[in-house]
Amino acid sequence: MIFNDGQAMMAEPGSVQAQHVLDNLIYRREIPVMLGVFINPGRRPDQPEPTPRDWGDRTTNRGAEYNPPNDHYARVIVEELMPAVKKEFNVSADPDLHGIIGASSGGIAAFSTAWFRPNDFRKVITFVGSFTNIRGGHVFPELVAASEKKPLRICLQDGRNDNRRPGNSENDWFYQNVRLMQALTAKG
């Protein structure tokens, strides 16, 4: 399982602490043994490491890497990160066993990775994914509707109070998550 925004997903104290969640679920045999890979967004040498407080939105390349609806981030994950991980660990070649998770911009990056590389990643979890017009991500419902069905398993989590933008539907986070859910449901 790849975790975007690893610094925030592992923060202690923190609201996620995914490393402990994985360990506990594996220990209780509620999920299979798996490798958790926690990565941060890219940054230039003059930029600081992202923190759980700022997520790197203003100090790293996070927005440019995570938000565009293209395969650039997926290529980094599949062609650079995964080969490095496979050198060190016994990773299954089965894409049905590969998952990626993210929150906010990390959520759209997770979805994009599986969407553009379904032969490499097939499981996605997004928390309040930014499927908005930050950098064109509001187009995913139309991309889903126009494509052939893909073998993906997706969990979208959002809430009615998430970044609402009355009068600006392209930037209404809840509305865009609902649109994507509807497109995915219609596609089956």
N, C-alpha and C. Protein backbone atom coordinates (compact mmCIF):
# COMPACT_ATOMS: atom_id res chain seq x y z
N MET A 1 0.86 -1.16 0.00
CA MET A 1 0.00 0.00 0.00
C MET A 1 0.90 1.23 0.00
N ILE A 2 0.68 2.09 -0.99
CA ILE A 2 1.41 3.34 -1.08
C ILE A 2 0.58 4.42 -0.37
N PHE A 3 1.21 5.19 0.50
CA PHE A 3 0.54 6.28 1.20
C PHE A 3 1.13 7.59 0.72
N ASN A 4 0.33 8.38 0.00
CA ASN A 4 0.76 9.73 -0.37
C ASN A 4 0.79 10.59 0.89
N ASP A 5 1.60 11.64 0.87
CA ASP A 5 1.75 12.52 2.03
C ASP A 5 2.13 11.70 3.26
N GLY A 6 3.14 10.88 3.09
CA GLY A 6 3.58 9.99 4.16
C GLY A 6 3.83 10.68 5.48
N GLN A 7 4.37 11.90 5.44
CA GLN A 7 4.66 12.63 6.67
C GLN A 7 3.40 12.85 7.50
N ALA A 8 2.29 13.11 6.85
CA ALA A 8 1.03 13.34 7.56
C ALA A 8 0.37 12.02 7.94
N MET A 9 0.49 11.02 7.10
CA MET A 9 -0.12 9.72 7.38
C MET A 9 0.53 9.02 8.57
N MET A 10 1.82 9.34 8.84
CA MET A 10 2.56 8.69 9.93
C MET A 10 2.71 9.58 11.16
N ALA A 11 2.26 10.82 11.12
CA ALA A 11 2.51 11.77 12.20
C ALA A 11 2.02 11.26 13.55
N GLU A 12 2.88 11.42 14.56
CA GLU A 12 2.53 11.08 15.94
C GLU A 12 2.79 12.29 16.82
N PRO A 13 1.85 12.79 17.57
CA PRO A 13 0.45 12.39 17.48
C PRO A 13 -0.13 12.86 16.15
N GLY A 14 -1.16 12.19 15.72
CA GLY A 14 -1.76 12.55 14.45
C GLY A 14 -3.12 11.90 14.30
N SER A 15 -3.85 12.33 13.31
CA SER A 15 -5.21 11.83 13.13
C SER A 15 -5.27 10.53 12.34
N VAL A 16 -4.16 10.11 11.70
CA VAL A 16 -4.18 8.89 10.90
C VAL A 16 -3.31 7.81 11.53
N GLN A 17 -2.03 8.06 11.71
CA GLN A 17 -1.08 7.08 12.24
C GLN A 17 -1.25 5.73 11.55
N ALA A 18 -1.20 5.77 10.22
CA ALA A 18 -1.50 4.60 9.39
C ALA A 18 -0.58 3.42 9.67
N GLN A 19 0.66 3.67 10.05
CA GLN A 19 1.57 2.57 10.33
C GLN A 19 1.03 1.71 11.48
N HIS A 20 0.43 2.33 12.49
CA HIS A 20 -0.13 1.58 13.61
C HIS A 20 -1.43 0.88 13.21
N VAL A 21 -2.22 1.53 12.38
CA VAL A 21 -3.45 0.91 11.90
C VAL A 21 -3.11 -0.36 11.12
N LEU A 22 -2.14 -0.26 10.20
CA LEU A 22 -1.73 -1.45 9.44
C LEU A 22 -1.24 -2.55 10.37
N ASP A 23 -0.33 -2.20 11.28
CA ASP A 23 0.21 -3.20 12.20
C ASP A 23 -0.89 -3.89 13.00
N ASN A 24 -1.83 -3.12 13.53
CA ASN A 24 -2.91 -3.70 14.33
C ASN A 24 -3.83 -4.59 13.50
N LEU A 25 -4.20 -4.14 12.30
CA LEU A 25 -5.08 -4.95 11.45
C LEU A 25 -4.39 -6.24 11.00
N ILE A 26 -3.10 -6.15 10.71
CA ILE A 26 -2.35 -7.35 10.33
C ILE A 26 -2.25 -8.30 11.52
N TYR A 27 -1.93 -7.77 12.69
CA TYR A 27 -1.81 -8.59 13.90
C TYR A 27 -3.12 -9.33 14.18
N ARG A 28 -4.26 -8.64 14.01
CA ARG A 28 -5.56 -9.26 14.26
C ARG A 28 -6.03 -10.12 13.08
N ARG A 29 -5.21 -10.21 12.04
CA ARG A 29 -5.52 -11.00 10.84
C ARG A 29 -6.78 -10.53 10.14
N GLU A 30 -7.02 -9.22 10.21
CA GLU A 30 -8.16 -8.63 9.51
C GLU A 30 -7.80 -8.19 8.11
N ILE A 31 -6.50 -8.05 7.84
CA ILE A 31 -5.98 -7.81 6.50
C ILE A 31 -4.73 -8.67 6.34
N PRO A 32 -4.36 -8.98 5.10
CA PRO A 32 -3.14 -9.77 4.91
C PRO A 32 -1.90 -8.95 5.24
N VAL A 33 -0.81 -9.64 5.47
CA VAL A 33 0.47 -8.96 5.66
C VAL A 33 0.75 -8.15 4.41
N MET A 34 1.15 -6.91 4.63
CA MET A 34 1.44 -6.04 3.49
C MET A 34 2.53 -5.06 3.86
N LEU A 35 3.10 -4.50 2.84
CA LEU A 35 4.13 -3.47 2.98
C LEU A 35 3.46 -2.11 2.85
N GLY A 36 3.74 -1.22 3.78
CA GLY A 36 3.27 0.16 3.69
C GLY A 36 4.43 1.04 3.27
N VAL A 37 4.26 1.78 2.18
CA VAL A 37 5.29 2.68 1.68
C VAL A 37 4.76 4.10 1.81
N PHE A 38 5.42 4.90 2.64
CA PHE A 38 4.97 6.26 2.95
C PHE A 38 5.89 7.24 2.23
N ILE A 39 5.32 7.98 1.28
CA ILE A 39 6.13 8.89 0.48
C ILE A 39 5.64 10.33 0.64
N ASN A 40 6.56 11.25 0.48
CA ASN A 40 6.24 12.67 0.52
C ASN A 40 6.24 13.23 -0.89
N PRO A 41 5.58 14.36 -1.10
CA PRO A 41 5.66 14.99 -2.42
C PRO A 41 7.08 15.45 -2.70
N GLY A 42 7.38 15.60 -3.98
CA GLY A 42 8.71 16.05 -4.37
C GLY A 42 8.95 17.50 -3.98
N ARG A 43 10.22 17.82 -3.89
CA ARG A 43 10.60 19.20 -3.56
C ARG A 43 11.98 19.47 -4.12
N ARG A 44 12.23 20.74 -4.34
CA ARG A 44 13.57 21.16 -4.75
C ARG A 44 14.48 21.17 -3.52
N PRO A 45 15.79 21.16 -3.71
CA PRO A 45 16.69 21.20 -2.54
C PRO A 45 16.48 22.42 -1.65
N ASP A 46 16.02 23.54 -2.22
CA ASP A 46 15.82 24.74 -1.41
C ASP A 46 14.47 24.75 -0.69
N GLN A 47 13.63 23.75 -0.93
CA GLN A 47 12.33 23.69 -0.28
C GLN A 47 12.41 22.78 0.95
N PRO A 48 11.69 23.13 2.04
CA PRO A 48 11.73 22.28 3.24
C PRO A 48 10.90 21.01 3.06
N GLU A 49 11.18 20.03 3.90
CA GLU A 49 10.34 18.84 3.93
C GLU A 49 8.93 19.27 4.33
N PRO A 50 7.89 18.64 3.75
CA PRO A 50 6.53 18.97 4.17
C PRO A 50 6.30 18.49 5.61
N THR A 51 5.38 19.14 6.28
CA THR A 51 5.04 18.76 7.65
C THR A 51 3.58 18.34 7.70
N PRO A 52 3.18 17.63 8.76
CA PRO A 52 1.76 17.27 8.88
C PRO A 52 0.86 18.50 8.97
N ARG A 53 1.41 19.63 9.38
CA ARG A 53 0.60 20.85 9.50
C ARG A 53 0.36 21.49 8.15
N ASP A 54 1.38 21.57 7.30
CA ASP A 54 1.21 22.28 6.01
C ASP A 54 1.09 21.34 4.82
N TRP A 55 1.34 20.07 4.99
CA TRP A 55 1.25 19.05 3.95
C TRP A 55 2.14 19.36 2.75
N GLY A 56 2.84 20.48 2.76
CA GLY A 56 3.70 20.84 1.64
C GLY A 56 3.01 21.60 0.54
N ASP A 57 1.76 22.03 0.76
CA ASP A 57 1.02 22.72 -0.31
C ASP A 57 1.73 23.97 -0.81
N ARG A 58 2.35 24.71 0.07
CA ARG A 58 2.99 25.96 -0.35
C ARG A 58 4.51 25.89 -0.38
N THR A 59 5.06 24.74 0.05
CA THR A 59 6.52 24.66 0.15
C THR A 59 7.14 23.54 -0.66
N THR A 60 6.32 22.75 -1.36
CA THR A 60 6.84 21.64 -2.17
C THR A 60 6.16 21.65 -3.54
N ASN A 61 6.41 20.61 -4.30
CA ASN A 61 5.79 20.46 -5.62
C ASN A 61 4.46 19.71 -5.54
N ARG A 62 3.87 19.61 -4.36
CA ARG A 62 2.68 18.78 -4.13
C ARG A 62 1.54 19.10 -5.10
N GLY A 63 1.17 20.35 -5.22
CA GLY A 63 0.04 20.71 -6.08
C GLY A 63 0.28 20.35 -7.54
N ALA A 64 1.47 20.63 -8.03
CA ALA A 64 1.79 20.34 -9.43
C ALA A 64 1.91 18.84 -9.68
N GLU A 65 2.35 18.09 -8.69
CA GLU A 65 2.50 16.63 -8.86
C GLU A 65 1.19 15.90 -8.67
N TYR A 66 0.42 16.28 -7.66
CA TYR A 66 -0.74 15.49 -7.25
C TYR A 66 -2.02 15.81 -8.00
N ASN A 67 -2.26 17.05 -8.38
CA ASN A 67 -3.59 17.46 -8.83
C ASN A 67 -3.91 17.33 -10.32
N PRO A 68 -2.99 17.44 -11.25
CA PRO A 68 -3.38 17.39 -12.66
C PRO A 68 -3.94 16.01 -13.06
N PRO A 69 -4.97 16.00 -13.88
CA PRO A 69 -5.55 14.73 -14.34
C PRO A 69 -4.75 14.15 -15.51
N ASN A 70 -3.51 13.76 -15.22
CA ASN A 70 -2.66 13.14 -16.24
C ASN A 70 -1.88 12.00 -15.61
N ASP A 71 -1.04 11.34 -16.39
CA ASP A 71 -0.32 10.16 -15.89
C ASP A 71 1.08 10.46 -15.36
N HIS A 72 1.44 11.71 -15.18
CA HIS A 72 2.81 12.04 -14.76
C HIS A 72 3.14 11.46 -13.39
N TYR A 73 2.26 11.64 -12.42
CA TYR A 73 2.52 11.10 -11.08
C TYR A 73 2.50 9.58 -11.12
N ALA A 74 1.57 9.00 -11.86
CA ALA A 74 1.50 7.54 -11.98
C ALA A 74 2.80 6.98 -12.54
N ARG A 75 3.40 7.68 -13.48
CA ARG A 75 4.68 7.22 -14.05
C ARG A 75 5.77 7.20 -12.98
N VAL A 76 5.81 8.21 -12.14
CA VAL A 76 6.81 8.25 -11.07
C VAL A 76 6.62 7.05 -10.14
N ILE A 77 5.37 6.80 -9.75
CA ILE A 77 5.09 5.69 -8.83
C ILE A 77 5.44 4.35 -9.48
N VAL A 78 4.98 4.13 -10.71
CA VAL A 78 5.14 2.83 -11.36
C VAL A 78 6.56 2.61 -11.90
N GLU A 79 7.14 3.63 -12.47
CA GLU A 79 8.42 3.45 -13.15
C GLU A 79 9.65 3.76 -12.29
N GLU A 80 9.46 4.51 -11.19
CA GLU A 80 10.59 4.85 -10.34
C GLU A 80 10.47 4.25 -8.95
N LEU A 81 9.35 4.53 -8.26
CA LEU A 81 9.22 4.05 -6.89
C LEU A 81 9.09 2.52 -6.82
N MET A 82 8.17 1.95 -7.57
CA MET A 82 7.94 0.51 -7.47
C MET A 82 9.17 -0.33 -7.80
N PRO A 83 9.94 -0.01 -8.84
CA PRO A 83 11.16 -0.80 -9.07
C PRO A 83 12.14 -0.72 -7.90
N ALA A 84 12.24 0.44 -7.27
CA ALA A 84 13.14 0.57 -6.10
C ALA A 84 12.62 -0.27 -4.94
N VAL A 85 11.31 -0.27 -4.71
CA VAL A 85 10.73 -1.07 -3.63
C VAL A 85 10.92 -2.55 -3.91
N LYS A 86 10.71 -2.94 -5.17
CA LYS A 86 10.84 -4.36 -5.54
C LYS A 86 12.26 -4.88 -5.41
N LYS A 87 13.25 -4.00 -5.48
CA LYS A 87 14.64 -4.42 -5.27
C LYS A 87 14.89 -4.85 -3.83
N GLU A 88 14.17 -4.23 -2.90
CA GLU A 88 14.40 -4.46 -1.48
C GLU A 88 13.42 -5.44 -0.84
N PHE A 89 12.22 -5.58 -1.44
CA PHE A 89 11.17 -6.37 -0.82
C PHE A 89 10.53 -7.30 -1.84
N ASN A 90 9.94 -8.38 -1.35
CA ASN A 90 9.22 -9.33 -2.18
C ASN A 90 7.81 -8.79 -2.41
N VAL A 91 7.62 -8.10 -3.52
CA VAL A 91 6.34 -7.48 -3.85
C VAL A 91 5.66 -8.30 -4.94
N SER A 92 4.42 -8.63 -4.71
CA SER A 92 3.65 -9.39 -5.69
C SER A 92 3.54 -8.61 -7.00
N ALA A 93 3.52 -9.33 -8.10
CA ALA A 93 3.32 -8.71 -9.40
C ALA A 93 1.83 -8.51 -9.71
N ASP A 94 0.96 -9.05 -8.87
CA ASP A 94 -0.49 -8.98 -9.10
C ASP A 94 -1.01 -7.58 -8.81
N PRO A 95 -1.51 -6.85 -9.83
CA PRO A 95 -2.02 -5.49 -9.58
C PRO A 95 -3.24 -5.46 -8.67
N ASP A 96 -3.94 -6.58 -8.53
CA ASP A 96 -5.08 -6.63 -7.61
C ASP A 96 -4.62 -6.54 -6.16
N LEU A 97 -3.33 -6.75 -5.92
CA LEU A 97 -2.78 -6.66 -4.56
C LEU A 97 -2.06 -5.34 -4.31
N HIS A 98 -2.12 -4.42 -5.26
CA HIS A 98 -1.45 -3.12 -5.11
C HIS A 98 -2.49 -2.04 -4.86
N GLY A 99 -2.28 -1.27 -3.79
CA GLY A 99 -3.19 -0.20 -3.46
C GLY A 99 -2.45 1.10 -3.22
N ILE A 100 -3.20 2.18 -3.31
CA ILE A 100 -2.64 3.51 -3.08
C ILE A 100 -3.71 4.35 -2.39
N ILE A 101 -3.27 5.17 -1.45
CA ILE A 101 -4.20 5.94 -0.63
C ILE A 101 -3.70 7.38 -0.50
N GLY A 102 -4.64 8.31 -0.38
CA GLY A 102 -4.26 9.68 -0.16
C GLY A 102 -5.43 10.52 0.30
N ALA A 103 -5.09 11.66 0.88
CA ALA A 103 -6.09 12.61 1.36
C ALA A 103 -5.94 13.90 0.58
N SER A 104 -7.06 14.54 0.27
CA SER A 104 -7.06 15.82 -0.41
C SER A 104 -6.36 15.69 -1.77
N SER A 105 -5.32 16.46 -2.00
CA SER A 105 -4.59 16.33 -3.27
C SER A 105 -3.94 14.96 -3.39
N GLY A 106 -3.54 14.38 -2.26
CA GLY A 106 -3.01 13.02 -2.28
C GLY A 106 -4.05 12.01 -2.71
N GLY A 107 -5.34 12.33 -2.48
CA GLY A 107 -6.43 11.45 -2.91
C GLY A 107 -6.60 11.44 -4.42
N ILE A 108 -6.55 12.61 -5.04
CA ILE A 108 -6.66 12.64 -6.50
C ILE A 108 -5.42 12.01 -7.13
N ALA A 109 -4.26 12.15 -6.48
CA ALA A 109 -3.04 11.51 -6.98
C ALA A 109 -3.16 9.99 -6.91
N ALA A 110 -3.76 9.49 -5.83
CA ALA A 110 -3.98 8.05 -5.71
C ALA A 110 -4.91 7.56 -6.80
N PHE A 111 -6.02 8.27 -6.99
CA PHE A 111 -6.97 7.89 -8.03
C PHE A 111 -6.31 7.94 -9.41
N SER A 112 -5.59 9.00 -9.69
CA SER A 112 -4.92 9.13 -10.99
C SER A 112 -3.96 7.99 -11.25
N THR A 113 -3.24 7.57 -10.22
CA THR A 113 -2.29 6.47 -10.39
C THR A 113 -3.00 5.22 -10.86
N ALA A 114 -4.08 4.85 -10.19
CA ALA A 114 -4.82 3.65 -10.59
C ALA A 114 -5.55 3.86 -11.92
N TRP A 115 -6.10 5.05 -12.12
CA TRP A 115 -6.84 5.32 -13.34
C TRP A 115 -5.96 5.18 -14.58
N PHE A 116 -4.77 5.78 -14.52
CA PHE A 116 -3.89 5.75 -15.68
C PHE A 116 -3.00 4.50 -15.74
N ARG A 117 -2.90 3.77 -14.64
CA ARG A 117 -2.08 2.56 -14.60
C ARG A 117 -2.84 1.39 -13.95
N PRO A 118 -4.00 1.01 -14.50
CA PRO A 118 -4.77 -0.06 -13.87
C PRO A 118 -4.10 -1.43 -13.96
N ASN A 119 -3.10 -1.57 -14.79
CA ASN A 119 -2.36 -2.83 -14.84
C ASN A 119 -1.29 -2.90 -13.76
N ASP A 120 -1.15 -1.81 -12.99
CA ASP A 120 -0.18 -1.77 -11.90
C ASP A 120 -0.84 -1.56 -10.54
N PHE A 121 -1.92 -0.78 -10.48
CA PHE A 121 -2.63 -0.49 -9.23
C PHE A 121 -4.12 -0.62 -9.47
N ARG A 122 -4.80 -1.33 -8.56
CA ARG A 122 -6.24 -1.53 -8.75
C ARG A 122 -7.07 -1.18 -7.52
N LYS A 123 -6.43 -0.85 -6.43
CA LYS A 123 -7.18 -0.49 -5.23
C LYS A 123 -6.81 0.93 -4.83
N VAL A 124 -7.84 1.75 -4.54
CA VAL A 124 -7.66 3.16 -4.23
C VAL A 124 -8.53 3.54 -3.04
N ILE A 125 -7.95 4.31 -2.13
CA ILE A 125 -8.72 4.93 -1.05
C ILE A 125 -8.42 6.42 -1.10
N THR A 126 -9.48 7.24 -1.14
CA THR A 126 -9.29 8.69 -1.08
C THR A 126 -10.10 9.24 0.07
N PHE A 127 -9.49 10.15 0.82
CA PHE A 127 -10.17 10.93 1.85
C PHE A 127 -10.31 12.33 1.31
N VAL A 128 -11.49 12.85 1.24
CA VAL A 128 -11.78 14.19 0.75
C VAL A 128 -10.90 14.56 -0.46
N GLY A 129 -10.92 13.70 -1.45
CA GLY A 129 -10.11 13.91 -2.64
C GLY A 129 -10.42 15.22 -3.33
N SER A 130 -9.39 15.89 -3.79
CA SER A 130 -9.56 17.21 -4.42
C SER A 130 -9.83 17.05 -5.92
N PHE A 131 -10.97 16.45 -6.23
CA PHE A 131 -11.39 16.26 -7.63
C PHE A 131 -12.03 17.54 -8.15
N THR A 132 -11.37 18.65 -7.90
CA THR A 132 -11.88 19.97 -8.25
C THR A 132 -11.00 20.59 -9.32
N ASN A 133 -11.31 21.81 -9.68
CA ASN A 133 -10.54 22.49 -10.71
C ASN A 133 -9.32 23.21 -10.12
N ILE A 134 -8.61 22.56 -9.23
CA ILE A 134 -7.34 23.11 -8.75
C ILE A 134 -6.37 23.14 -9.93
N ARG A 135 -6.29 22.01 -10.62
CA ARG A 135 -5.49 21.90 -11.84
C ARG A 135 -6.20 21.01 -12.86
N GLY A 136 -7.52 21.10 -12.89
CA GLY A 136 -8.30 20.39 -13.90
C GLY A 136 -8.90 19.06 -13.47
N GLY A 137 -8.78 18.69 -12.19
CA GLY A 137 -9.25 17.40 -11.72
C GLY A 137 -10.76 17.21 -11.76
N HIS A 138 -11.50 18.27 -11.98
CA HIS A 138 -12.96 18.16 -12.06
C HIS A 138 -13.42 17.40 -13.31
N VAL A 139 -12.51 17.06 -14.21
CA VAL A 139 -12.88 16.37 -15.44
C VAL A 139 -12.98 14.86 -15.28
N PHE A 140 -12.60 14.32 -14.13
CA PHE A 140 -12.61 12.86 -13.99
C PHE A 140 -13.97 12.22 -14.20
N PRO A 141 -15.08 12.79 -13.74
CA PRO A 141 -16.37 12.13 -14.03
C PRO A 141 -16.61 11.95 -15.54
N GLU A 142 -16.23 12.93 -16.33
CA GLU A 142 -16.39 12.80 -17.79
C GLU A 142 -15.42 11.76 -18.35
N LEU A 143 -14.19 11.71 -17.82
CA LEU A 143 -13.22 10.69 -18.27
C LEU A 143 -13.73 9.29 -17.95
N VAL A 144 -14.28 9.12 -16.75
CA VAL A 144 -14.83 7.82 -16.37
C VAL A 144 -15.98 7.44 -17.30
N ALA A 145 -16.89 8.37 -17.55
CA ALA A 145 -18.06 8.10 -18.39
C ALA A 145 -17.65 7.74 -19.82
N ALA A 146 -16.60 8.36 -20.34
CA ALA A 146 -16.19 8.14 -21.72
C ALA A 146 -15.27 6.93 -21.90
N SER A 147 -14.81 6.34 -20.82
CA SER A 147 -13.85 5.24 -20.93
C SER A 147 -14.54 3.89 -20.85
N GLU A 148 -13.76 2.86 -21.18
CA GLU A 148 -14.22 1.50 -20.92
C GLU A 148 -14.09 1.25 -19.42
N LYS A 149 -14.87 0.29 -18.93
CA LYS A 149 -14.81 -0.06 -17.52
C LYS A 149 -13.40 -0.55 -17.18
N LYS A 150 -12.88 -0.10 -16.04
CA LYS A 150 -11.55 -0.51 -15.59
C LYS A 150 -11.69 -1.39 -14.35
N PRO A 151 -10.75 -2.31 -14.14
CA PRO A 151 -10.85 -3.25 -13.02
C PRO A 151 -10.39 -2.65 -11.69
N LEU A 152 -10.98 -1.54 -11.29
CA LEU A 152 -10.54 -0.84 -10.09
C LEU A 152 -11.53 -1.03 -8.95
N ARG A 153 -11.02 -1.02 -7.72
CA ARG A 153 -11.83 -1.00 -6.51
C ARG A 153 -11.51 0.32 -5.82
N ILE A 154 -12.53 1.14 -5.61
CA ILE A 154 -12.29 2.51 -5.15
C ILE A 154 -13.16 2.82 -3.95
N CYS A 155 -12.55 3.42 -2.94
CA CYS A 155 -13.27 3.94 -1.78
C CYS A 155 -13.09 5.44 -1.78
N LEU A 156 -14.18 6.17 -1.96
CA LEU A 156 -14.17 7.64 -1.88
C LEU A 156 -14.82 8.03 -0.56
N GLN A 157 -14.15 8.85 0.22
CA GLN A 157 -14.72 9.33 1.48
C GLN A 157 -14.75 10.85 1.43
N ASP A 158 -15.90 11.42 1.71
CA ASP A 158 -16.03 12.87 1.77
C ASP A 158 -17.24 13.18 2.65
N GLY A 159 -17.44 14.43 2.97
CA GLY A 159 -18.57 14.83 3.80
C GLY A 159 -19.21 16.11 3.29
N ARG A 160 -20.46 16.30 3.62
CA ARG A 160 -21.22 17.45 3.12
C ARG A 160 -20.62 18.80 3.51
N ASN A 161 -19.83 18.86 4.55
CA ASN A 161 -19.24 20.12 4.99
C ASN A 161 -17.85 20.36 4.43
N ASP A 162 -17.41 19.53 3.52
CA ASP A 162 -16.08 19.67 2.94
C ASP A 162 -16.05 20.81 1.93
N ASN A 163 -15.23 21.80 2.13
CA ASN A 163 -14.94 22.88 1.17
C ASN A 163 -16.05 23.13 0.15
N ARG A 164 -17.21 23.56 0.61
CA ARG A 164 -18.32 23.85 -0.28
C ARG A 164 -18.09 25.18 -0.99
N ARG A 165 -18.47 25.27 -2.24
CA ARG A 165 -18.33 26.49 -3.03
C ARG A 165 -19.64 26.75 -3.78
N PRO A 166 -20.66 27.23 -3.08
CA PRO A 166 -21.92 27.55 -3.77
C PRO A 166 -21.66 28.51 -4.93
N GLY A 167 -22.21 28.19 -6.07
CA GLY A 167 -22.02 29.04 -7.24
C GLY A 167 -20.76 28.75 -8.02
N ASN A 168 -19.93 27.83 -7.54
CA ASN A 168 -18.70 27.47 -8.24
C ASN A 168 -18.54 25.95 -8.17
N SER A 169 -19.35 25.23 -8.91
CA SER A 169 -19.40 23.77 -8.80
C SER A 169 -18.08 23.10 -9.14
N GLU A 170 -17.27 23.69 -10.02
CA GLU A 170 -15.99 23.07 -10.36
C GLU A 170 -15.04 23.02 -9.17
N ASN A 171 -15.25 23.88 -8.18
CA ASN A 171 -14.39 23.91 -7.00
C ASN A 171 -15.12 23.54 -5.71
N ASP A 172 -16.27 22.92 -5.83
CA ASP A 172 -17.02 22.42 -4.68
C ASP A 172 -16.58 20.97 -4.44
N TRP A 173 -15.80 20.76 -3.40
CA TRP A 173 -15.18 19.45 -3.18
C TRP A 173 -16.21 18.35 -2.98
N PHE A 174 -17.22 18.60 -2.16
CA PHE A 174 -18.23 17.57 -1.94
C PHE A 174 -18.96 17.25 -3.24
N TYR A 175 -19.38 18.27 -3.96
CA TYR A 175 -20.10 18.07 -5.21
C TYR A 175 -19.25 17.27 -6.21
N GLN A 176 -17.99 17.59 -6.32
CA GLN A 176 -17.13 16.89 -7.29
C GLN A 176 -16.89 15.44 -6.87
N ASN A 177 -16.78 15.17 -5.57
CA ASN A 177 -16.67 13.78 -5.12
C ASN A 177 -17.94 13.01 -5.43
N VAL A 178 -19.09 13.66 -5.24
CA VAL A 178 -20.36 13.01 -5.57
C VAL A 178 -20.45 12.73 -7.07
N ARG A 179 -20.05 13.70 -7.89
CA ARG A 179 -20.07 13.50 -9.34
C ARG A 179 -19.21 12.29 -9.74
N LEU A 180 -18.02 12.20 -9.14
CA LEU A 180 -17.14 11.08 -9.46
C LEU A 180 -17.75 9.75 -9.00
N MET A 181 -18.32 9.75 -7.81
CA MET A 181 -18.98 8.54 -7.32
C MET A 181 -20.11 8.12 -8.26
N GLN A 182 -20.90 9.07 -8.73
CA GLN A 182 -21.99 8.76 -9.64
C GLN A 182 -21.47 8.20 -10.96
N ALA A 183 -20.41 8.78 -11.48
CA ALA A 183 -19.83 8.29 -12.74
C ALA A 183 -19.28 6.88 -12.57
N LEU A 184 -18.60 6.63 -11.46
CA LEU A 184 -18.06 5.29 -11.21
C LEU A 184 -19.17 4.27 -11.02
N THR A 185 -20.22 4.66 -10.30
CA THR A 185 -21.37 3.77 -10.09
C THR A 185 -22.05 3.45 -11.41
N ALA A 186 -22.24 4.44 -12.25
CA ALA A 186 -22.88 4.22 -13.55
C ALA A 186 -22.03 3.30 -14.44
N LYS A 187 -20.71 3.41 -14.28
CA LYS A 187 -19.80 2.56 -15.08
C LYS A 187 -19.77 1.14 -14.56
N GLY A 188 -20.23 0.96 -13.33
CA GLY A 188 -20.26 -0.39 -12.75
C GLY A 188 -19.02 -0.74 -11.98
